[in-house]
Protein backbone atom coordinates (compact mmCIF):
# COMPACT_ATOMS: atom_id res chain seq x y z
CA UNK A 1 -20.59 -38.21 -49.56
CA UNK A 2 -19.71 -40.99 -47.61
CA UNK A 3 -20.11 -40.15 -43.96
CA UNK A 4 -16.29 -40.77 -42.89
CA UNK A 5 -15.42 -36.93 -42.43
CA UNK A 6 -17.00 -35.16 -39.53
CA UNK A 7 -17.12 -32.00 -40.96
CA UNK A 8 -19.62 -32.95 -43.93
CA UNK A 9 -21.94 -33.86 -40.98
CA UNK A 10 -24.28 -31.50 -39.21
CA UNK A 11 -27.49 -31.66 -37.20
CA UNK A 12 -30.52 -31.72 -39.24
CA UNK A 13 -29.30 -33.29 -42.10
CA UNK A 14 -30.96 -36.30 -43.94
CA UNK A 15 -28.19 -39.43 -43.43
CA UNK A 16 -28.46 -43.38 -44.30
CA UNK A 17 -26.77 -44.97 -40.96
CA UNK A 18 -26.20 -48.99 -40.47
CA UNK A 19 -27.44 -49.70 -36.92
CA UNK A 20 -25.34 -52.02 -34.71
CA UNK A 21 -27.49 -54.77 -35.02
CA UNK A 22 -27.67 -54.40 -38.91
CA UNK A 23 -23.78 -54.31 -39.45
CA UNK A 24 -23.70 -58.14 -40.92
CA UNK A 25 -26.33 -57.57 -43.28
CA UNK A 26 -25.61 -53.56 -44.27
CA UNK A 27 -29.23 -52.68 -43.92
CA UNK A 28 -29.27 -48.61 -43.75
CA UNK A 29 -31.78 -46.64 -42.00
CA UNK A 30 -32.67 -43.20 -43.04
CA UNK A 31 -33.20 -40.47 -40.55
CA UNK A 32 -32.49 -36.88 -39.84
CA UNK A 33 -29.06 -35.95 -37.39
CA UNK A 34 -29.94 -35.17 -33.89
CA UNK A 35 -26.64 -35.43 -32.37
CA UNK A 36 -23.02 -36.18 -33.28
CA UNK A 37 -21.49 -38.77 -31.41
CA UNK A 38 -17.87 -39.41 -32.65
CA UNK A 39 -15.27 -36.69 -31.43
CA UNK A 40 -12.44 -37.18 -34.22
CA UNK A 41 -12.57 -35.93 -37.23
CA UNK A 42 -12.55 -38.95 -39.09
CA UNK A 43 -13.71 -42.43 -39.15
CA UNK A 44 -12.86 -45.34 -41.52
CA UNK A 45 -16.17 -47.15 -40.42
CA UNK A 46 -18.29 -43.68 -40.26
CA UNK A 47 -19.02 -40.96 -38.20
CA UNK A 48 -21.61 -42.37 -35.36
CA UNK A 49 -24.56 -40.01 -34.79
CA UNK A 50 -27.66 -40.17 -32.97
CA UNK A 51 -31.00 -39.77 -34.82
CA UNK A 52 -33.91 -37.64 -33.86
CA UNK A 53 -35.79 -40.97 -33.40
CA UNK A 54 -32.71 -41.99 -31.00
CA UNK A 55 -31.39 -44.63 -33.08
CA UNK A 56 -27.44 -44.55 -32.98
CA UNK A 57 -25.31 -45.74 -35.86
CA UNK A 58 -22.55 -44.86 -38.49
CA UNK A 59 -23.25 -42.98 -41.28
CA UNK A 60 -22.98 -44.56 -44.76
CA UNK A 61 -24.39 -41.62 -46.79
CA UNK A 62 -25.01 -37.97 -46.14
CA UNK A 63 -27.34 -36.22 -48.77
CA UNK A 64 -27.32 -32.63 -49.40
CA UNK A 65 -29.85 -30.59 -48.96
C-alpha cells in the first residue's frame, strides 16, 4: 500500500516515511506508527504520521502484518 489513504494506516503498523529534511533525496525511514496527524481521508503526498520514536513524516509504504 502506498500510504495515501488514511483508512489503510493504524497505530502500531510498520511503515516507511519520508522526513521533511529528506524530501529532496527521497530517503525513507522505517518505524512504527504512534499517531496519525492528517485529518483528511486522503493526501496526494502521503498521510502524515508520528512514529513511536517521535519522528514525523509522510507515509510512502505500508507493511501489512
